[in-house]
Amino acid sequence: MRCVYCMAEHMEFLPRAELLSLDELDRLVSAFITRGVRKVRLTGGEPLVRRDLMQLIRGLGRHLKSGALEELTLTTNGTQLKRFAQELADAGVKRINVSLDTLDRAKFAHITRRDVLPQVLEGIEAAKAAGLGVKINTVALAHDNRAEIPFLIEWAHLQGFDITLIETMPLGEIDEDRTDQYLPLSTVRQELESFWTLEDIPLKTGGPARYVYVRETDGRLGLITPLTHNFCESCNRVRLTCTGTLYQCLGQEEHIDLREPLRASADDALLHAALDRAMLVKPKGHDFVIERRGAAPAVPRYMSTTGG
């Protein structure tokens, strides 16, 4: 897919030599787990398009069996879910996040630049049938899905899914003007509260979402508000790219190269030294302000570089 708010239509992709192999990814993730990381998420777009990715997922499953890892999850756009849902469940994955911004096929094709909504919905059904917990992630867009948001929430809750709304983030040079599509979730919440009862709940995941319970639909709604409400004080996440670059904050450019120490030695001493440095420079927060920056991105890195 080439979602209009996070990618350009024509992207330049990295040479294969710059990517970590699956064995290197396993070694690197295992180093984080050794240092106390309890939750790992493989992110998309669609990570399942990576050849033999199930090999990595099954390998990391050993940390679930040993108890060293509490949770292994996946963020997906759903296009490959029908094929892999049962394998994911068998490998120890308990829940997944699925990116879905509309249930209207024409709008879906416009937003993603790909006409594959039926395929995604089949994937979601396969995940549900495999016993995977499903959470829907929806980017709130002022023109493309604002009117549909209540229906999306009702649909998700009827399926037994949680759903999280996300404000569009100013990352990477894209083909559209984000100021035109930016929809504050404070406004969305006011609109929802005009006909529903939203109750704040104390659910904490260590990430950016704040949660409410929607009494009328009997479901949970998450709100990720990088622009209207800074969530950085509660975020304990770091992001590792497929090239071994560690970003301590999605909205900052500071990073640590872990590929070089990973490949420089057969043991992990250099890698752990780099991880020591990385955690000391985790920034206080991001600087997402669309109104001040206009269409210019807060950072030039595409969202797709670090995953959803």
Protein backbone atom coordinates (compact mmCIF):
# COMPACT_ATOMS: atom_id res chain seq x y z
CA MET A 1 0.00 0.00 0.00
CA ARG A 2 0.96 3.67 -0.37
CA CYS A 3 -1.24 5.39 2.22
CA VAL A 4 -1.51 9.05 1.29
CA TYR A 5 -0.72 10.39 4.77
CA CYS A 6 2.52 8.46 5.32
CA MET A 7 4.06 7.54 1.95
CA ALA A 8 4.62 8.98 -1.46
CA GLU A 9 3.33 7.02 -4.45
CA HIS A 10 6.84 6.45 -5.78
CA MET A 11 9.21 5.39 -3.03
CA GLU A 12 12.90 4.51 -3.22
CA PHE A 13 13.56 1.32 -1.27
CA LEU A 14 16.82 0.26 0.35
CA PRO A 15 19.33 -2.19 -1.16
CA ARG A 16 19.00 -5.63 0.41
CA ALA A 17 22.58 -5.46 1.76
CA GLU A 18 21.53 -2.66 4.12
CA LEU A 19 18.78 -4.74 5.69
CA LEU A 20 19.41 -6.93 8.69
CA SER A 21 18.99 -10.61 7.99
CA LEU A 22 16.35 -12.52 9.93
CA ASP A 23 19.11 -14.09 12.04
CA GLU A 24 20.51 -10.62 12.82
CA LEU A 25 17.06 -9.35 13.74
CA ASP A 26 16.60 -12.32 16.08
CA ARG A 27 19.96 -11.65 17.72
CA LEU A 28 19.23 -7.96 18.12
CA VAL A 29 15.73 -8.42 19.53
CA SER A 30 17.09 -11.11 21.85
CA ALA A 31 19.63 -8.60 23.19
CA PHE A 32 16.79 -6.25 24.10
CA ILE A 33 14.96 -9.10 25.83
CA THR A 34 18.12 -9.99 27.76
CA ARG A 35 18.14 -6.40 29.05
CA GLY A 36 14.57 -6.62 30.32
CA VAL A 37 12.33 -5.71 27.38
CA ARG A 38 9.08 -7.61 27.96
CA LYS A 39 7.03 -6.68 24.90
CA VAL A 40 8.02 -6.76 21.22
CA ARG A 41 5.92 -5.63 18.27
CA LEU A 42 6.78 -6.25 14.63
CA THR A 43 5.37 -3.29 12.75
CA GLY A 44 4.03 -2.41 9.33
CA GLY A 45 2.66 -1.40 6.84
CA GLU A 46 2.71 -5.12 6.33
CA PRO A 47 5.65 -6.94 7.92
CA LEU A 48 4.32 -10.24 6.56
CA VAL A 49 5.52 -9.33 3.06
CA ARG A 50 9.08 -9.94 4.29
CA ARG A 51 10.11 -13.30 2.91
CA ASP A 52 10.25 -16.02 5.59
CA LEU A 53 9.18 -13.63 8.36
CA MET A 54 7.41 -16.50 10.11
CA GLN A 55 10.88 -17.95 10.68
CA LEU A 56 11.71 -14.90 12.82
CA ILE A 57 8.37 -14.99 14.62
CA ARG A 58 8.67 -18.68 15.44
CA GLY A 59 12.25 -18.10 16.61
CA LEU A 60 11.25 -15.26 18.93
CA GLY A 61 8.52 -17.52 20.26
CA ARG A 62 11.17 -19.32 22.32
CA HIS A 63 11.33 -16.25 24.57
CA LEU A 64 7.58 -16.52 25.15
CA LYS A 65 7.97 -20.16 26.14
CA SER A 66 10.83 -19.36 28.53
CA GLY A 67 8.89 -16.51 30.13
CA ALA A 68 11.55 -13.94 29.23
CA LEU A 69 9.11 -12.24 26.84
CA GLU A 70 5.60 -11.35 27.96
CA GLU A 71 4.12 -10.53 24.58
CA LEU A 72 4.94 -10.71 20.87
CA THR A 73 2.52 -8.73 18.71
CA LEU A 74 2.17 -7.52 15.16
CA THR A 75 0.95 -4.38 13.42
CA THR A 76 -0.39 -5.19 9.96
CA ASN A 77 -2.42 -3.65 7.17
CA GLY A 78 -4.20 -6.97 6.83
CA THR A 79 -3.34 -7.82 3.23
CA GLN A 80 -1.46 -11.02 4.19
CA LEU A 81 -3.46 -11.98 7.25
CA LYS A 82 -5.68 -14.60 5.61
CA ARG A 83 -2.57 -16.56 4.69
CA PHE A 84 -0.71 -16.22 7.99
CA ALA A 85 -3.29 -15.78 10.77
CA GLN A 86 -3.25 -19.39 11.98
CA GLU A 87 0.54 -19.58 11.78
CA LEU A 88 0.81 -16.44 13.89
CA ALA A 89 -1.47 -17.90 16.53
CA ASP A 90 0.43 -21.20 16.51
CA ALA A 91 3.72 -19.28 17.00
CA GLY A 92 2.47 -17.66 20.20
CA VAL A 93 1.16 -14.33 18.93
CA LYS A 94 -1.96 -13.51 20.95
CA ARG A 95 -3.08 -10.23 19.44
CA ILE A 96 -2.50 -7.94 16.48
CA ASN A 97 -3.15 -4.35 15.45
CA VAL A 98 -4.75 -3.87 12.04
CA SER A 99 -4.56 -0.50 10.26
CA LEU A 100 -7.95 0.28 8.73
CA ASP A 101 -9.18 3.81 7.98
CA THR A 102 -12.48 3.11 6.22
CA LEU A 103 -14.95 0.37 5.33
CA ASP A 104 -15.88 2.12 2.09
CA ARG A 105 -14.11 0.40 -0.81
CA ALA A 106 -13.72 3.52 -2.96
CA LYS A 107 -12.38 5.58 -0.05
CA PHE A 108 -10.06 2.73 0.90
CA ALA A 109 -8.63 2.63 -2.62
CA HIS A 110 -8.12 6.41 -2.51
CA ILE A 111 -6.42 6.44 0.91
CA THR A 112 -4.17 3.42 0.33
CA ARG A 113 -3.83 3.74 -3.46
CA ARG A 114 -4.68 0.03 -3.59
CA ASP A 115 -8.11 -1.56 -4.14
CA VAL A 116 -7.74 -4.42 -1.64
CA LEU A 117 -10.36 -3.78 1.06
CA PRO A 118 -12.07 -7.19 0.55
CA GLN A 119 -8.70 -8.89 1.02
CA VAL A 120 -8.10 -6.96 4.26
CA LEU A 121 -11.53 -7.80 5.66
CA GLU A 122 -10.99 -11.48 4.85
CA GLY A 123 -7.69 -11.27 6.73
CA ILE A 124 -9.39 -9.76 9.77
CA GLU A 125 -11.96 -12.56 9.73
CA ALA A 126 -9.17 -15.13 9.49
CA ALA A 127 -7.40 -13.55 12.47
CA LYS A 128 -10.59 -13.65 14.50
CA ALA A 129 -11.18 -17.28 13.54
CA ALA A 130 -7.62 -18.15 14.58
CA GLY A 131 -8.30 -16.74 18.04
CA LEU A 132 -6.13 -13.66 17.69
CA GLY A 133 -7.18 -10.56 19.57
CA VAL A 134 -7.68 -7.73 17.07
CA LYS A 135 -7.36 -4.00 17.63
CA ILE A 136 -8.22 -1.64 14.80
CA ASN A 137 -6.02 1.44 14.25
CA THR A 138 -7.69 4.30 12.36
CA VAL A 139 -6.02 7.55 11.32
CA ALA A 140 -8.56 10.37 11.66
CA LEU A 141 -8.72 12.33 8.40
CA ALA A 142 -10.73 15.52 8.14
CA HIS A 143 -12.11 14.82 4.67
CA ASP A 144 -11.72 11.11 3.98
CA ASN A 145 -13.26 9.46 7.05
CA ARG A 146 -14.49 12.02 9.60
CA ALA A 147 -18.17 11.26 9.01
CA GLU A 148 -17.49 7.51 9.10
CA ILE A 149 -15.67 7.42 12.47
CA PRO A 150 -18.78 6.61 14.60
CA PHE A 151 -19.70 3.79 12.20
CA LEU A 152 -16.14 2.40 12.34
CA ILE A 153 -16.27 2.41 16.14
CA GLU A 154 -19.65 0.66 16.16
CA TRP A 155 -18.43 -1.92 13.63
CA ALA A 156 -15.25 -2.67 15.62
CA HIS A 157 -17.07 -2.99 18.94
CA LEU A 158 -19.72 -5.22 17.37
CA GLN A 159 -16.90 -7.52 16.24
CA GLY A 160 -15.46 -7.54 19.76
CA PHE A 161 -12.44 -5.42 18.71
CA ASP A 162 -10.92 -2.42 20.44
CA ILE A 163 -10.30 0.54 18.15
CA THR A 164 -7.80 3.40 18.41
CA LEU A 165 -8.01 6.72 16.60
CA ILE A 166 -4.76 8.42 15.64
CA GLU A 167 -4.03 12.01 14.61
CA THR A 168 -2.10 12.32 11.36
CA MET A 169 1.61 12.88 12.07
CA PRO A 170 3.98 15.20 10.15
CA LEU A 171 6.59 12.65 9.06
CA GLY A 172 8.22 12.58 5.62
CA GLU A 173 7.53 14.53 2.44
CA ILE A 174 4.27 13.21 0.99
CA ASP A 175 2.14 14.21 -1.98
CA GLU A 176 -0.64 15.85 0.06
CA ASP A 177 -0.89 18.73 2.52
CA ARG A 178 -1.39 17.35 6.02
CA THR A 179 -2.84 20.63 7.29
CA ASP A 180 -5.80 19.95 5.01
CA GLN A 181 -6.42 16.46 6.46
CA TYR A 182 -5.47 17.11 10.10
CA LEU A 183 -8.40 16.38 12.42
CA PRO A 184 -7.86 17.07 16.14
CA LEU A 185 -9.13 14.20 18.25
CA SER A 186 -10.32 16.71 20.83
CA THR A 187 -12.88 17.72 18.21
CA VAL A 188 -13.72 14.11 17.42
CA ARG A 189 -14.28 13.37 21.11
CA GLN A 190 -16.64 16.34 21.44
CA GLU A 191 -18.62 15.08 18.45
CA LEU A 192 -18.82 11.54 19.83
CA GLU A 193 -19.89 12.82 23.26
CA SER A 194 -22.84 14.61 21.67
CA PHE A 195 -24.54 11.21 21.28
CA TRP A 196 -22.46 8.68 23.27
CA THR A 197 -21.21 8.41 26.84
CA LEU A 198 -17.40 8.26 26.98
CA GLU A 199 -15.83 7.32 30.29
CA ASP A 200 -12.09 7.69 30.90
CA ILE A 201 -10.52 4.42 32.06
CA PRO A 202 -7.08 3.88 33.66
CA LEU A 203 -5.80 1.34 31.09
CA LYS A 204 -2.06 1.85 30.52
CA THR A 205 -0.03 0.06 27.84
CA GLY A 206 3.25 1.97 28.09
CA GLY A 207 2.45 3.58 24.75
CA PRO A 208 0.82 6.74 23.48
CA ALA A 209 -2.88 5.85 23.66
CA ARG A 210 -5.34 7.04 26.28
CA TYR A 211 -8.48 4.96 26.57
CA VAL A 212 -12.17 5.57 27.12
CA TYR A 213 -15.09 3.19 27.49
CA VAL A 214 -18.03 3.82 25.16
CA ARG A 215 -21.08 2.85 27.18
CA GLU A 216 -23.53 2.58 24.28
CA THR A 217 -21.31 0.28 22.19
CA ASP A 218 -19.78 -1.56 25.17
CA GLY A 219 -16.24 -1.23 23.85
CA ARG A 220 -12.91 0.50 24.38
CA LEU A 221 -11.73 3.43 22.29
CA GLY A 222 -8.10 4.56 22.27
CA LEU A 223 -7.01 8.09 21.39
CA ILE A 224 -3.46 8.79 20.18
CA THR A 225 -2.95 12.55 20.18
CA PRO A 226 0.61 13.54 19.25
CA LEU A 227 -0.51 17.07 18.37
CA THR A 228 -3.42 18.01 20.64
CA HIS A 229 -2.07 16.30 23.76
CA ASN A 230 1.58 15.31 24.21
CA PHE A 231 1.76 11.76 25.58
CA CYS A 232 5.54 11.53 25.98
CA GLU A 233 5.62 11.30 29.78
CA SER A 234 3.99 7.87 29.63
CA CYS A 235 5.75 6.45 26.55
CA ASN A 236 8.38 3.78 27.22
CA ARG A 237 8.85 2.65 23.61
CA VAL A 238 11.79 2.67 21.23
CA ARG A 239 11.74 1.76 17.53
CA LEU A 240 14.22 -0.36 15.64
CA THR A 241 14.29 -0.21 11.84
CA CYS A 242 15.07 -3.12 9.53
CA THR A 243 18.52 -1.58 8.99
CA GLY A 244 19.44 -1.75 12.68
CA THR A 245 18.87 1.94 13.38
CA LEU A 246 17.36 2.60 16.81
CA TYR A 247 15.10 5.63 17.18
CA GLN A 248 14.31 6.43 20.79
CA CYS A 249 11.40 8.64 19.69
CA LEU A 250 9.17 8.43 16.62
CA GLY A 251 9.14 12.23 16.35
CA GLN A 252 12.87 12.93 16.65
CA GLU A 253 15.81 12.28 14.35
CA GLU A 254 18.33 11.28 17.04
CA HIS A 255 19.30 7.65 16.58
CA ILE A 256 21.89 4.98 17.35
CA ASP A 257 23.35 2.61 14.76
CA LEU A 258 23.18 -0.95 16.07
CA ARG A 259 24.03 -2.67 12.80
CA GLU A 260 27.73 -1.79 13.00
CA PRO A 261 28.36 -3.23 16.48
CA LEU A 262 26.11 -6.19 15.65
CA ARG A 263 28.22 -7.09 12.62
CA ALA A 264 31.58 -6.14 14.15
CA SER A 265 31.75 -8.99 16.62
CA ALA A 266 30.39 -12.48 17.09
CA ASP A 267 29.60 -11.73 20.73
CA ASP A 268 27.27 -9.01 21.97
CA ALA A 269 29.62 -6.87 24.09
CA LEU A 270 29.79 -4.01 21.55
CA LEU A 271 26.05 -4.25 20.98
CA HIS A 272 25.25 -3.93 24.67
CA ALA A 273 27.62 -0.97 24.98
CA ALA A 274 25.71 0.76 22.17
CA LEU A 275 22.42 0.00 23.91
CA ASP A 276 23.77 1.57 27.11
CA ARG A 277 24.43 4.79 25.18
CA ALA A 278 21.07 4.64 23.43
CA MET A 279 18.99 4.58 26.59
CA LEU A 280 20.86 7.55 28.06
CA VAL A 281 19.86 9.82 25.16
CA LYS A 282 16.16 8.97 24.89
CA PRO A 283 14.60 12.44 24.34
CA LYS A 284 12.02 14.03 26.59
CA GLY A 285 9.45 14.27 23.81
CA HIS A 286 8.59 14.98 20.20
CA ASP A 287 7.75 18.26 18.46
CA PHE A 288 4.67 17.65 16.32
CA VAL A 289 2.95 20.96 15.56
CA ILE A 290 1.23 20.97 12.19
CA GLU A 291 -0.16 24.50 12.55
CA ARG A 292 3.30 26.00 12.95
CA ARG A 293 5.08 23.88 10.38
CA GLY A 294 2.44 23.93 7.68
CA ALA A 295 2.90 21.07 5.22
CA ALA A 296 6.59 20.62 6.09
CA PRO A 297 7.25 17.41 8.04
CA ALA A 298 8.49 17.53 11.64
CA VAL A 299 11.20 15.08 10.55
CA PRO A 300 12.10 14.04 6.98
CA ARG A 301 11.91 10.32 7.80
CA TYR A 302 8.80 8.59 6.47
CA MET A 303 6.50 6.86 8.93
CA SER A 304 7.05 3.71 6.87
CA THR A 305 10.77 3.81 7.75
CA THR A 306 10.11 3.10 11.40
CA GLY A 307 6.74 1.38 11.16
CA GLY A 308 3.26 2.05 12.45
